[in-house]
Each structure stands twice: as structure tokens, then as C-alpha cells.
Amino acid sequence: NGDRDERAGAPLRGARGDALALAATLEAPSCGFAVELLLGEEATAAAVKGRIEDLLDEATAESELLVYFSGHALPIARGQRHNETFLVTSDFDPARAAKRAERFLSLRWLYD
């Protein structure tokens, strides 16, 4: 997750703590998941997308995958009638996302 609210520029108060708490729960023996965290500045769009792609490549029919994002999503106008919603990663730039959506982490990319 990114640690800033890109619209207001204010630090996110709970995102990091929420991610750490969920990771601890998932790693507990009762759940048994292997967890990889991307926090703060390391949570770039390319890093998050790359890790999701790696997980999908490594998955088998028996795999259980969970991707959890603690942070903000932001709709961006892309053309006159089209909005696309992006997860606000540490490197998110709304102006660039409007022009080059593939460089960022959109909900459309996740659905596809």
C-alpha cells in the first residue's frame, strides 16, 4: 500500500497497521498462509502488478490466493465518458494515469 492520500496529501493513519495486522493473522498457524508485504515506497504499481502476476503464474488449481490492498482508490477521467478507478500506490500520479493507465494499478486490470 502507499502511505499517503494523494488527493489531500495527508498521511494515511491506518493503512500500514491494517496491512500488518492482517498479515499477522494470515500467517498464524490457524490460517497458514505465506504472506508477502509491499509497504510504503516499495508498493509501486509495477511492484504490486509484478507480484500479482507472479502469484498467478505460480498458482495451481489447488492454490488459494488473496490480494489485499490497504489504501485509497481514485476514479480518474479517461476521455469524455469514461472513468477508470485506480488503487493509489506509492508512485501514483493522477495526470499520468489519465494518459497511460497501463503504468498504474487499475481495477479494470485486476478484473481482467
PDB file of N, CA and C in Angstrom:
ATOM      1  N   ASN A   1       0.830  -1.184   0.000  1.00  0.00           N
ATOM      2  CA  ASN A   1       0.000   0.000   0.000  1.00  0.00           C
ATOM      3  C   ASN A   1       0.866   1.236   0.000  1.00  0.00           C
ATOM      4  N   GLY A   2       0.340   2.319  -0.512  1.00  0.00           N
ATOM      5  CA  GLY A   2       1.021   3.598  -0.381  1.00  0.00           C
ATOM      6  C   GLY A   2       0.672   4.161   0.989  1.00  0.00           C
ATOM      7  N   ASP A   3       1.415   5.069   1.499  1.00  0.00           N
ATOM      8  CA  ASP A   3       1.151   5.602   2.829  1.00  0.00           C
ATOM      9  C   ASP A   3       0.599   7.022   2.795  1.00  0.00           C
ATOM     10  N   ARG A   4       0.174   7.508   1.621  1.00  0.00           N
ATOM     11  CA  ARG A   4      -0.327   8.877   1.552  1.00  0.00           C
ATOM     12  C   ARG A   4      -1.651   8.901   0.808  1.00  0.00           C
ATOM     13  N   ASP A   5      -2.512   9.840   1.201  1.00  0.00           N
ATOM     14  CA  ASP A   5      -3.733  10.136   0.477  1.00  0.00           C
ATOM     15  C   ASP A   5      -3.336  11.143  -0.594  1.00  0.00           C
ATOM     16  N   GLU A   6      -3.274  10.715  -1.835  1.00  0.00           N
ATOM     17  CA  GLU A   6      -2.761  11.556  -2.918  1.00  0.00           C
ATOM     18  C   GLU A   6      -3.643  12.773  -3.188  1.00  0.00           C
ATOM     19  N   ARG A   7      -4.930  12.692  -2.888  1.00  0.00           N
ATOM     20  CA  ARG A   7      -5.797  13.838  -3.132  1.00  0.00           C
ATOM     21  C   ARG A   7      -5.558  14.919  -2.097  1.00  0.00           C
ATOM     22  N   ALA A   8      -5.457  14.535  -0.840  1.00  0.00           N
ATOM     23  CA  ALA A   8      -5.319  15.513   0.230  1.00  0.00           C
ATOM     24  C   ALA A   8      -3.868  15.703   0.639  1.00  0.00           C
ATOM     25  N   GLY A   9      -2.985  14.790   0.286  1.00  0.00           N
ATOM     26  CA  GLY A   9      -1.590  14.882   0.666  1.00  0.00           C
ATOM     27  C   GLY A   9      -1.351  14.520   2.125  1.00  0.00           C
ATOM     28  N   ALA A  10      -2.378  14.056   2.821  1.00  0.00           N
ATOM     29  CA  ALA A  10      -2.256  13.717   4.242  1.00  0.00           C
ATOM     30  C   ALA A  10      -1.812  12.264   4.398  1.00  0.00           C
ATOM     31  N   PRO A  11      -1.016  11.991   5.421  1.00  0.00           N
ATOM     32  CA  PRO A  11      -0.630  10.595   5.669  1.00  0.00           C
ATOM     33  C   PRO A  11      -1.849   9.740   5.985  1.00  0.00           C
ATOM     34  N   LEU A  12      -1.854   8.515   5.496  1.00  0.00           N
ATOM     35  CA  LEU A  12      -2.899   7.572   5.863  1.00  0.00           C
ATOM     36  C   LEU A  12      -2.583   7.062   7.256  1.00  0.00           C
ATOM     37  N   ARG A  13      -3.529   7.106   8.129  1.00  0.00           N
ATOM     38  CA  ARG A  13      -3.283   6.739   9.527  1.00  0.00           C
ATOM     39  C   ARG A  13      -3.336   5.233   9.770  1.00  0.00           C
ATOM     40  N   GLY A  14      -4.179   4.525   9.077  1.00  0.00           N
ATOM     41  CA  GLY A  14      -4.371   3.120   9.414  1.00  0.00           C
ATOM     42  C   GLY A  14      -3.920   2.097   8.401  1.00  0.00           C
ATOM     43  N   ALA A  15      -3.559   2.512   7.205  1.00  0.00           N
ATOM     44  CA  ALA A  15      -3.286   1.557   6.136  1.00  0.00           C
ATOM     45  C   ALA A  15      -2.153   0.594   6.480  1.00  0.00           C
ATOM     46  N   ARG A  16      -1.044   1.101   6.938  1.00  0.00           N
ATOM     47  CA  ARG A  16       0.109   0.256   7.262  1.00  0.00           C
ATOM     48  C   ARG A  16      -0.225  -0.702   8.408  1.00  0.00           C
ATOM     49  N   GLY A  17      -0.821  -0.174   9.463  1.00  0.00           N
ATOM     50  CA  GLY A  17      -1.194  -1.009  10.601  1.00  0.00           C
ATOM     51  C   GLY A  17      -2.199  -2.076  10.222  1.00  0.00           C
ATOM     52  N   ASP A  18      -3.171  -1.716   9.378  1.00  0.00           N
ATOM     53  CA  ASP A  18      -4.154  -2.697   8.914  1.00  0.00           C
ATOM     54  C   ASP A  18      -3.479  -3.821   8.137  1.00  0.00           C
ATOM     55  N   ALA A  19      -2.566  -3.469   7.249  1.00  0.00           N
ATOM     56  CA  ALA A  19      -1.866  -4.479   6.452  1.00  0.00           C
ATOM     57  C   ALA A  19      -1.025  -5.397   7.344  1.00  0.00           C
ATOM     58  N   LEU A  20      -0.330  -4.818   8.311  1.00  0.00           N
ATOM     59  CA  LEU A  20       0.495  -5.624   9.216  1.00  0.00           C
ATOM     60  C   LEU A  20      -0.363  -6.548  10.076  1.00  0.00           C
ATOM     61  N   ALA A  21      -1.493  -6.056  10.557  1.00  0.00           N
ATOM     62  CA  ALA A  21      -2.379  -6.879  11.383  1.00  0.00           C
ATOM     63  C   ALA A  21      -2.969  -8.032  10.578  1.00  0.00           C
ATOM     64  N   LEU A  22      -3.398  -7.759   9.357  1.00  0.00           N
ATOM     65  CA  LEU A  22      -3.951  -8.833   8.532  1.00  0.00           C
ATOM     66  C   LEU A  22      -2.868  -9.851   8.194  1.00  0.00           C
ATOM     67  N   ALA A  23      -1.661  -9.388   7.896  1.00  0.00           N
ATOM     68  CA  ALA A  23      -0.554 -10.309   7.600  1.00  0.00           C
ATOM     69  C   ALA A  23      -0.286 -11.224   8.786  1.00  0.00           C
ATOM     70  N   ALA A  24      -0.271 -10.679   9.992  1.00  0.00           N
ATOM     71  CA  ALA A  24      -0.030 -11.491  11.181  1.00  0.00           C
ATOM     72  C   ALA A  24      -1.125 -12.541  11.357  1.00  0.00           C
ATOM     73  N   THR A  25      -2.363 -12.159  11.096  1.00  0.00           N
ATOM     74  CA  THR A  25      -3.480 -13.105  11.203  1.00  0.00           C
ATOM     75  C   THR A  25      -3.357 -14.213  10.164  1.00  0.00           C
ATOM     76  N   LEU A  26      -3.058 -13.850   8.925  1.00  0.00           N
ATOM     77  CA  LEU A  26      -2.959 -14.843   7.859  1.00  0.00           C
ATOM     78  C   LEU A  26      -1.775 -15.786   8.046  1.00  0.00           C
ATOM     79  N   GLU A  27      -0.694 -15.296   8.651  1.00  0.00           N
ATOM     80  CA  GLU A  27       0.482 -16.127   8.887  1.00  0.00           C
ATOM     81  C   GLU A  27       0.346 -17.018  10.122  1.00  0.00           C
ATOM     82  N   ALA A  28      -0.653 -16.752  10.950  1.00  0.00           N
ATOM     83  CA  ALA A  28      -0.855 -17.552  12.163  1.00  0.00           C
ATOM     84  C   ALA A  28      -1.096 -19.015  11.780  1.00  0.00           C
ATOM     85  N   PRO A  29      -0.699 -19.948  12.660  1.00  0.00           N
ATOM     86  CA  PRO A  29      -0.883 -21.370  12.364  1.00  0.00           C
ATOM     87  C   PRO A  29      -2.316 -21.756  12.003  1.00  0.00           C
ATOM     88  N   SER A  30      -3.296 -21.062  12.552  1.00  0.00           N
ATOM     89  CA  SER A  30      -4.690 -21.392  12.249  1.00  0.00           C
ATOM     90  C   SER A  30      -5.074 -21.085  10.804  1.00  0.00           C
ATOM     91  N   CYS A  31      -4.352 -20.161  10.158  1.00  0.00           N
ATOM     92  CA  CYS A  31      -4.603 -19.833   8.748  1.00  0.00           C
ATOM     93  C   CYS A  31      -3.550 -20.460   7.842  1.00  0.00           C
ATOM     94  N   GLY A  32      -2.290 -20.287   8.197  1.00  0.00           N
ATOM     95  CA  GLY A  32      -1.206 -20.932   7.471  1.00  0.00           C
ATOM     96  C   GLY A  32      -0.853 -20.364   6.113  1.00  0.00           C
ATOM     97  N   PHE A  33      -1.185 -19.117   5.848  1.00  0.00           N
ATOM     98  CA  PHE A  33      -0.818 -18.513   4.570  1.00  0.00           C
ATOM     99  C   PHE A  33       0.621 -18.000   4.609  1.00  0.00           C
ATOM    100  N   ALA A  34       1.285 -18.054   3.473  1.00  0.00           N
ATOM    101  CA  ALA A  34       2.566 -17.354   3.301  1.00  0.00           C
ATOM    102  C   ALA A  34       2.207 -15.948   2.847  1.00  0.00           C
ATOM    103  N   VAL A  35       2.816 -14.955   3.462  1.00  0.00           N
ATOM    104  CA  VAL A  35       2.464 -13.559   3.196  1.00  0.00           C
ATOM    105  C   VAL A  35       3.686 -12.814   2.693  1.00  0.00           C
ATOM    106  N   GLU A  36       3.470 -11.994   1.676  1.00  0.00           N
ATOM    107  CA  GLU A  36       4.500 -11.067   1.217  1.00  0.00           C
ATOM    108  C   GLU A  36       3.906  -9.673   1.267  1.00  0.00           C
ATOM    109  N   LEU A  37       4.550  -8.796   2.007  1.00  0.00           N
ATOM    110  CA  LEU A  37       4.063  -7.428   2.150  1.00  0.00           C
ATOM    111  C   LEU A  37       4.849  -6.479   1.257  1.00  0.00           C
ATOM    112  N   LEU A  38       4.143  -5.563   0.647  1.00  0.00           N
ATOM    113  CA  LEU A  38       4.754  -4.427  -0.033  1.00  0.00           C
ATOM    114  C   LEU A  38       4.205  -3.200   0.675  1.00  0.00           C
ATOM    115  N   LEU A  39       5.075  -2.489   1.371  1.00  0.00           N
ATOM    116  CA  LEU A  39       4.647  -1.359   2.187  1.00  0.00           C
ATOM    117  C   LEU A  39       5.339  -0.077   1.759  1.00  0.00           C
ATOM    118  N   GLY A  40       4.647   1.046   1.947  1.00  0.00           N
ATOM    119  CA  GLY A  40       5.245   2.358   1.721  1.00  0.00           C
ATOM    120  C   GLY A  40       5.789   2.520   0.317  1.00  0.00           C
ATOM    121  N   GLU A  41       7.001   3.040   0.235  1.00  0.00           N
ATOM    122  CA  GLU A  41       7.608   3.355  -1.061  1.00  0.00           C
ATOM    123  C   GLU A  41       7.849   2.137  -1.940  1.00  0.00           C
ATOM    124  N   GLU A  42       7.958   0.950  -1.352  1.00  0.00           N
ATOM    125  CA  GLU A  42       8.168  -0.247  -2.182  1.00  0.00           C
ATOM    126  C   GLU A  42       6.876  -0.695  -2.869  1.00  0.00           C
ATOM    127  N   ALA A  43       5.741  -0.136  -2.475  1.00  0.00           N
ATOM    128  CA  ALA A  43       4.452  -0.510  -3.047  1.00  0.00           C
ATOM    129  C   ALA A  43       4.144   0.336  -4.282  1.00  0.00           C
ATOM    130  N   THR A  44       5.010   0.225  -5.292  1.00  0.00           N
ATOM    131  CA  THR A  44       4.773   0.910  -6.566  1.00  0.00           C
ATOM    132  C   THR A  44       3.797   0.091  -7.395  1.00  0.00           C
ATOM    133  N   ALA A  45       3.206   0.714  -8.385  1.00  0.00           N
ATOM    134  CA  ALA A  45       2.287  -0.003  -9.268  1.00  0.00           C
ATOM    135  C   ALA A  45       2.991  -1.179  -9.936  1.00  0.00           C
ATOM    136  N   ALA A  46       4.201  -0.965 -10.426  1.00  0.00           N
ATOM    137  CA  ALA A  46       4.923  -2.048 -11.111  1.00  0.00           C
ATOM    138  C   ALA A  46       5.231  -3.197 -10.154  1.00  0.00           C
ATOM    139  N   ALA A  47       5.605  -2.883  -8.923  1.00  0.00           N
ATOM    140  CA  ALA A  47       5.920  -3.932  -7.948  1.00  0.00           C
ATOM    141  C   ALA A  47       4.678  -4.738  -7.587  1.00  0.00           C
ATOM    142  N   VAL A  48       3.567  -4.055  -7.352  1.00  0.00           N
ATOM    143  CA  VAL A  48       2.331  -4.752  -6.986  1.00  0.00           C
ATOM    144  C   VAL A  48       1.839  -5.588  -8.161  1.00  0.00           C
ATOM    145  N   LYS A  49       1.801  -4.998  -9.353  1.00  0.00           N
ATOM    146  CA  LYS A  49       1.357  -5.746 -10.526  1.00  0.00           C
ATOM    147  C   LYS A  49       2.267  -6.943 -10.795  1.00  0.00           C
ATOM    148  N   GLY A  50       3.563  -6.735 -10.672  1.00  0.00           N
ATOM    149  CA  GLY A  50       4.512  -7.824 -10.914  1.00  0.00           C
ATOM    150  C   GLY A  50       4.313  -8.973  -9.953  1.00  0.00           C
ATOM    151  N   ARG A  51       4.080  -8.660  -8.678  1.00  0.00           N
ATOM    152  CA  ARG A  51       3.889  -9.724  -7.687  1.00  0.00           C
ATOM    153  C   ARG A  51       2.577 -10.454  -7.913  1.00  0.00           C
ATOM    154  N   ILE A  52       1.517  -9.747  -8.296  1.00  0.00           N
ATOM    155  CA  ILE A  52       0.243 -10.408  -8.613  1.00  0.00           C
ATOM    156  C   ILE A  52       0.427 -11.344  -9.804  1.00  0.00           C
ATOM    157  N   GLU A  53       1.130 -10.878 -10.835  1.00  0.00           N
ATOM    158  CA  GLU A  53       1.389 -11.731 -11.996  1.00  0.00           C
ATOM    159  C   GLU A  53       2.202 -12.958 -11.610  1.00  0.00           C
ATOM    160  N   ASP A  54       3.208 -12.789 -10.739  1.00  0.00           N
ATOM    161  CA  ASP A  54       3.997 -13.921 -10.260  1.00  0.00           C
ATOM    162  C   ASP A  54       3.121 -14.924  -9.524  1.00  0.00           C
ATOM    163  N   LEU A  55       2.244 -14.431  -8.656  1.00  0.00           N
ATOM    164  CA  LEU A  55       1.357 -15.331  -7.922  1.00  0.00           C
ATOM    165  C   LEU A  55       0.470 -16.131  -8.867  1.00  0.00           C
ATOM    166  N   LEU A  56      -0.065 -15.472  -9.872  1.00  0.00           N
ATOM    167  CA  LEU A  56      -0.916 -16.169 -10.836  1.00  0.00           C
ATOM    168  C   LEU A  56      -0.126 -17.197 -11.629  1.00  0.00           C
ATOM    169  N   ASP A  57       1.113 -16.864 -11.994  1.00  0.00           N
ATOM    170  CA  ASP A  57       1.958 -17.815 -12.726  1.00  0.00           C
ATOM    171  C   ASP A  57       2.302 -19.034 -11.880  1.00  0.00           C
ATOM    172  N   GLU A  58       2.476 -18.841 -10.575  1.00  0.00           N
ATOM    173  CA  GLU A  58       2.866 -19.918  -9.667  1.00  0.00           C
ATOM    174  C   GLU A  58       1.670 -20.738  -9.179  1.00  0.00           C
ATOM    175  N   ALA A  59       0.465 -20.237  -9.358  1.00  0.00           N
ATOM    176  CA  ALA A  59      -0.729 -20.878  -8.811  1.00  0.00           C
ATOM    177  C   ALA A  59      -1.040 -22.186  -9.524  1.00  0.00           C
ATOM    178  N   THR A  60      -1.622 -23.096  -8.756  1.00  0.00           N
ATOM    179  CA  THR A  60      -2.149 -24.346  -9.301  1.00  0.00           C
ATOM    180  C   THR A  60      -3.659 -24.348  -9.069  1.00  0.00           C
ATOM    181  N   ALA A  61      -4.315 -25.387  -9.525  1.00  0.00           N
ATOM    182  CA  ALA A  61      -5.762 -25.482  -9.334  1.00  0.00           C
ATOM    183  C   ALA A  61      -6.129 -25.529  -7.850  1.00  0.00           C
ATOM    184  N   GLU A  62      -5.209 -25.977  -7.013  1.00  0.00           N
ATOM    185  CA  GLU A  62      -5.460 -26.079  -5.572  1.00  0.00           C
ATOM    186  C   GLU A  62      -5.062 -24.821  -4.796  1.00  0.00           C
ATOM    187  N   SER A  63      -4.457 -23.860  -5.451  1.00  0.00           N
ATOM    188  CA  SER A  63      -3.966 -22.662  -4.773  1.00  0.00           C
ATOM    189  C   SER A  63      -5.107 -21.784  -4.274  1.00  0.00           C
ATOM    190  N   GLU A  64      -4.855 -21.158  -3.138  1.00  0.00           N
ATOM    191  CA  GLU A  64      -5.736 -20.126  -2.622  1.00  0.00           C
ATOM    192  C   GLU A  64      -4.929 -18.836  -2.608  1.00  0.00           C
ATOM    193  N   LEU A  65      -5.387 -17.850  -3.355  1.00  0.00           N
ATOM    194  CA  LEU A  65      -4.671 -16.580  -3.442  1.00  0.00           C
ATOM    195  C   LEU A  65      -5.541 -15.465  -2.866  1.00  0.00           C
ATOM    196  N   LEU A  66      -4.908 -14.584  -2.135  1.00  0.00           N
ATOM    197  CA  LEU A  66      -5.586 -13.421  -1.590  1.00  0.00           C
ATOM    198  C   LEU A  66      -4.688 -12.221  -1.830  1.00  0.00           C
ATOM    199  N   VAL A  67      -5.236 -11.200  -2.464  1.00  0.00           N
ATOM    200  CA  VAL A  67      -4.525  -9.941  -2.628  1.00  0.00           C
ATOM    201  C   VAL A  67      -5.312  -8.917  -1.826  1.00  0.00           C
ATOM    202  N   TYR A  68      -4.624  -8.261  -0.900  1.00  0.00           N
ATOM    203  CA  TYR A  68      -5.248  -7.283  -0.025  1.00  0.00           C
ATOM    204  C   TYR A  68      -4.532  -5.953  -0.212  1.00  0.00           C
ATOM    205  N   PHE A  69      -5.300  -4.923  -0.478  1.00  0.00           N
ATOM    206  CA  PHE A  69      -4.743  -3.585  -0.641  1.00  0.00           C
ATOM    207  C   PHE A  69      -5.340  -2.699   0.431  1.00  0.00           C
ATOM    208  N   SER A  70      -4.507  -2.107   1.249  1.00  0.00           N
ATOM    209  CA  SER A  70      -4.970  -1.188   2.277  1.00  0.00           C
ATOM    210  C   SER A  70      -4.565   0.216   1.841  1.00  0.00           C
ATOM    211  N   GLY A  71      -5.525   1.000   1.442  1.00  0.00           N
ATOM    212  CA  GLY A  71      -5.235   2.335   0.954  1.00  0.00           C
ATOM    213  C   GLY A  71      -6.446   2.900   0.245  1.00  0.00           C
ATOM    214  N   HIS A  72      -6.202   3.828  -0.652  1.00  0.00           N
ATOM    215  CA  HIS A  72      -7.270   4.510  -1.366  1.00  0.00           C
ATOM    216  C   HIS A  72      -7.371   4.026  -2.803  1.00  0.00           C
ATOM    217  N   ALA A  73      -8.579   4.188  -3.340  1.00  0.00           N
ATOM    218  CA  ALA A  73      -8.816   4.043  -4.769  1.00  0.00           C
ATOM    219  C   ALA A  73      -9.323   5.391  -5.254  1.00  0.00           C
ATOM    220  N   LEU A  74      -9.005   5.720  -6.489  1.00  0.00           N
ATOM    221  CA  LEU A  74      -9.357   7.032  -7.014  1.00  0.00           C
ATOM    222  C   LEU A  74      -9.849   6.903  -8.457  1.00  0.00           C
ATOM    223  N   PRO A  75     -11.087   7.355  -8.745  1.00  0.00           N
ATOM    224  CA  PRO A  75     -11.553   7.350 -10.131  1.00  0.00           C
ATOM    225  C   PRO A  75     -10.900   8.501 -10.901  1.00  0.00           C
ATOM    226  N   ILE A  76     -10.459   8.196 -12.100  1.00  0.00           N
ATOM    227  CA  ILE A  76      -9.794   9.173 -12.959  1.00  0.00           C
ATOM    228  C   ILE A  76     -10.554   9.226 -14.285  1.00  0.00           C
ATOM    229  N   ALA A  77     -10.836  10.430 -14.751  1.00  0.00           N
ATOM    230  CA  ALA A  77     -11.489  10.603 -16.049  1.00  0.00           C
ATOM    231  C   ALA A  77     -10.505  10.229 -17.146  1.00  0.00           C
ATOM    232  N   ARG A  78     -10.958   9.344 -18.017  1.00  0.00           N
ATOM    233  CA  ARG A  78     -10.149   8.952 -19.168  1.00  0.00           C
ATOM    234  C   ARG A  78     -11.032   9.092 -20.396  1.00  0.00           C
ATOM    235  N   GLY A  79     -11.078  10.267 -20.944  1.00  0.00           N
ATOM    236  CA  GLY A  79     -11.979  10.559 -22.048  1.00  0.00           C
ATOM    237  C   GLY A  79     -13.245  11.212 -21.513  1.00  0.00           C
ATOM    238  N   GLN A  80     -14.132  11.567 -22.407  1.00  0.00           N
ATOM    239  CA  GLN A  80     -15.318  12.326 -22.012  1.00  0.00           C
ATOM    240  C   GLN A  80     -16.320  11.503 -21.218  1.00  0.00           C
ATOM    241  N   ARG A  81     -16.449  10.229 -21.512  1.00  0.00           N
ATOM    242  CA  ARG A  81     -17.488   9.419 -20.869  1.00  0.00           C
ATOM    243  C   ARG A  81     -16.938   8.236 -20.083  1.00  0.00           C
ATOM    244  N   HIS A  82     -15.679   8.231 -19.848  1.00  0.00           N
ATOM    245  CA  HIS A  82     -15.086   7.040 -19.255  1.00  0.00           C
ATOM    246  C   HIS A  82     -14.253   7.397 -18.029  1.00  0.00           C
ATOM    247  N   ASN A  83     -14.560   6.763 -16.918  1.00  0.00           N
ATOM    248  CA  ASN A  83     -13.741   6.849 -15.712  1.00  0.00           C
ATOM    249  C   ASN A  83     -13.122   5.479 -15.470  1.00  0.00           C
ATOM    250  N   GLU A  84     -11.949   5.480 -14.918  1.00  0.00           N
ATOM    251  CA  GLU A  84     -11.298   4.237 -14.527  1.00  0.00           C
ATOM    252  C   GLU A  84     -10.809   4.435 -13.100  1.00  0.00           C
ATOM    253  N   THR A  85     -11.007   3.421 -12.269  1.00  0.00           N
ATOM    254  CA  THR A  85     -10.621   3.522 -10.868  1.00  0.00           C
ATOM    255  C   THR A  85      -9.262   2.874 -10.661  1.00  0.00           C
ATOM    256  N   PHE A  86      -8.379   3.610  -9.988  1.00  0.00           N
ATOM    257  CA  PHE A  86      -7.009   3.157  -9.731  1.00  0.00           C
ATOM    258  C   PHE A  86      -6.775   3.002  -8.237  1.00  0.00           C
ATOM    259  N   LEU A  87      -5.998   1.994  -7.855  1.00  0.00           N
ATOM    260  CA  LEU A  87      -5.512   1.894  -6.492  1.00  0.00           C
ATOM    261  C   LEU A  87      -4.344   2.854  -6.371  1.00  0.00           C
ATOM    262  N   VAL A  88      -4.320   3.625  -5.302  1.00  0.00           N
ATOM    263  CA  VAL A  88      -3.303   4.660  -5.127  1.00  0.00           C
ATOM    264  C   VAL A  88      -2.053   4.018  -4.529  1.00  0.00           C
ATOM    265  N   THR A  89      -1.130   3.648  -5.401  1.00  0.00           N
ATOM    266  CA  THR A  89       0.154   3.089  -4.993  1.00  0.00           C
ATOM    267  C   THR A  89       1.105   4.236  -4.668  1.00  0.00           C
ATOM    268  N   SER A  90       2.276   3.904  -4.166  1.00  0.00           N
ATOM    269  CA  SER A  90       3.206   4.956  -3.725  1.00  0.00           C
ATOM    270  C   SER A  90       3.659   5.873  -4.858  1.00  0.00           C
ATOM    271  N   ASP A  91       3.606   5.393  -6.088  1.00  0.00           N
ATOM    272  CA  ASP A  91       4.050   6.192  -7.233  1.00  0.00           C
ATOM    273  C   ASP A  91       2.896   6.737  -8.076  1.00  0.00           C
ATOM    274  N   PHE A  92       1.691   6.686  -7.553  1.00  0.00           N
ATOM    275  CA  PHE A  92       0.524   7.072  -8.338  1.00  0.00           C
ATOM    276  C   PHE A  92       0.555   8.546  -8.705  1.00  0.00           C
ATOM    277  N   ASP A  93       0.242   8.815  -9.964  1.00  0.00           N
ATOM    278  CA  ASP A  93       0.180  10.176 -10.491  1.00  0.00           C
ATOM    279  C   ASP A  93      -1.107  10.275 -11.310  1.00  0.00           C
ATOM    280  N   PRO A  94      -2.128  10.985 -10.804  1.00  0.00           N
ATOM    281  CA  PRO A  94      -3.417  11.033 -11.497  1.00  0.00           C
ATOM    282  C   PRO A  94      -3.327  11.536 -12.935  1.00  0.00           C
ATOM    283  N   ALA A  95      -2.511  12.547 -13.194  1.00  0.00           N
ATOM    284  CA  ALA A  95      -2.399  13.094 -14.554  1.00  0.00           C
ATOM    285  C   ALA A  95      -1.806  12.049 -15.500  1.00  0.00           C
ATOM    286  N   ARG A  96      -0.797  11.335 -15.041  1.00  0.00           N
ATOM    287  CA  ARG A  96      -0.189  10.296 -15.885  1.00  0.00           C
ATOM    288  C   ARG A  96      -1.129   9.107 -16.051  1.00  0.00           C
ATOM    289  N   ALA A  97      -1.883   8.769 -15.000  1.00  0.00           N
ATOM    290  CA  ALA A  97      -2.824   7.651 -15.084  1.00  0.00           C
ATOM    291  C   ALA A  97      -3.916   7.924 -16.114  1.00  0.00           C
ATOM    292  N   ALA A  98      -4.327   9.181 -16.240  1.00  0.00           N
ATOM    293  CA  ALA A  98      -5.346   9.538 -17.220  1.00  0.00           C
ATOM    294  C   ALA A  98      -4.861   9.283 -18.645  1.00  0.00           C
ATOM    295  N   LYS A  99      -3.558   9.401 -18.858  1.00  0.00           N
ATOM    296  CA  LYS A  99      -2.982   9.235 -20.191  1.00  0.00           C
ATOM    297  C   LYS A  99      -2.395   7.852 -20.427  1.00  0.00           C
ATOM    298  N   ARG A 100      -1.844   7.235 -19.380  1.00  0.00           N
ATOM    299  CA  ARG A 100      -1.127   5.962 -19.521  1.00  0.00           C
ATOM    300  C   ARG A 100      -1.585   4.979 -18.442  1.00  0.00           C
ATOM    301  N   ALA A 101      -2.819   4.543 -18.523  1.00  0.00           N
ATOM    302  CA  ALA A 101      -3.423   3.687 -17.499  1.00  0.00           C
ATOM    303  C   ALA A 101      -2.611   2.425 -17.238  1.00  0.00           C
ATOM    304  N   GLU A 102      -1.980   1.886 -18.272  1.00  0.00           N
ATOM    305  CA  GLU A 102      -1.243   0.622 -18.136  1.00  0.00           C
ATOM    306  C   GLU A 102      -0.049   0.730 -17.190  1.00  0.00           C
ATOM    307  N   ARG A 103       0.394   1.929 -16.885  1.00  0.00           N
ATOM    308  CA  ARG A 103       1.540   2.119 -15.988  1.00  0.00           C
ATOM    309  C   ARG A 103       1.146   2.068 -14.515  1.00  0.00           C
ATOM    310  N   PHE A 104      -0.163   2.001 -14.243  1.00  0.00           N
ATOM    311  CA  PHE A 104      -0.642   2.043 -12.872  1.00  0.00           C
ATOM    312  C   PHE A 104      -1.541   0.850 -12.606  1.00  0.00           C
ATOM    313  N   LEU A 105      -2.076   0.775 -11.420  1.00  0.00           N
ATOM    314  CA  LEU A 105      -2.855  -0.393 -10.994  1.00  0.00           C
ATOM    315  C   LEU A 105      -4.337  -0.039 -10.967  1.00  0.00           C
ATOM    316  N   SER A 106      -5.026  -0.391 -12.045  1.00  0.00           N
ATOM    317  CA  SER A 106      -6.451  -0.078 -12.140  1.00  0.00           C
ATOM    318  C   SER A 106      -7.291  -1.298 -11.768  1.00  0.00           C
ATOM    319  N   LEU A 107      -8.522  -1.025 -11.340  1.00  0.00           N
ATOM    320  CA  LEU A 107      -9.439  -2.129 -11.055  1.00  0.00           C
ATOM    321  C   LEU A 107      -9.748  -2.906 -12.325  1.00  0.00           C
ATOM    322  N   ARG A 108      -9.773  -2.235 -13.449  1.00  0.00           N
ATOM    323  CA  ARG A 108     -10.003  -2.931 -14.730  1.00  0.00           C
ATOM    324  C   ARG A 108      -8.908  -3.966 -14.971  1.00  0.00           C
ATOM    325  N   TRP A 109      -7.631  -3.593 -14.710  1.00  0.00           N
ATOM    326  CA  TRP A 109      -6.529  -4.542 -14.875  1.00  0.00           C
ATOM    327  C   TRP A 109      -6.709  -5.734 -13.938  1.00  0.00           C
ATOM    328  N   LEU A 110      -7.108  -5.470 -12.701  1.00  0.00           N
ATOM    329  CA  LEU A 110      -7.316  -6.563 -11.746  1.00  0.00           C
ATOM    330  C   LEU A 110      -8.434  -7.498 -12.214  1.00  0.00           C
ATOM    331  N   TYR A 111      -9.538  -6.943 -12.709  1.00  0.00           N
ATOM    332  CA  TYR A 111     -10.643  -7.769 -13.187  1.00  0.00           C
ATOM    333  C   TYR A 111     -10.241  -8.603 -14.378  1.00  0.00           C
ATOM    334  N   ASP A 112      -9.463  -8.000 -15.266  1.00  0.00           N
ATOM    335  CA  ASP A 112      -9.015  -8.737 -16.459  1.00  0.00           C
ATOM    336  C   ASP A 112      -8.073  -9.852 -16.060  1.00  0.00           C
TER     337      ASP A 112
END
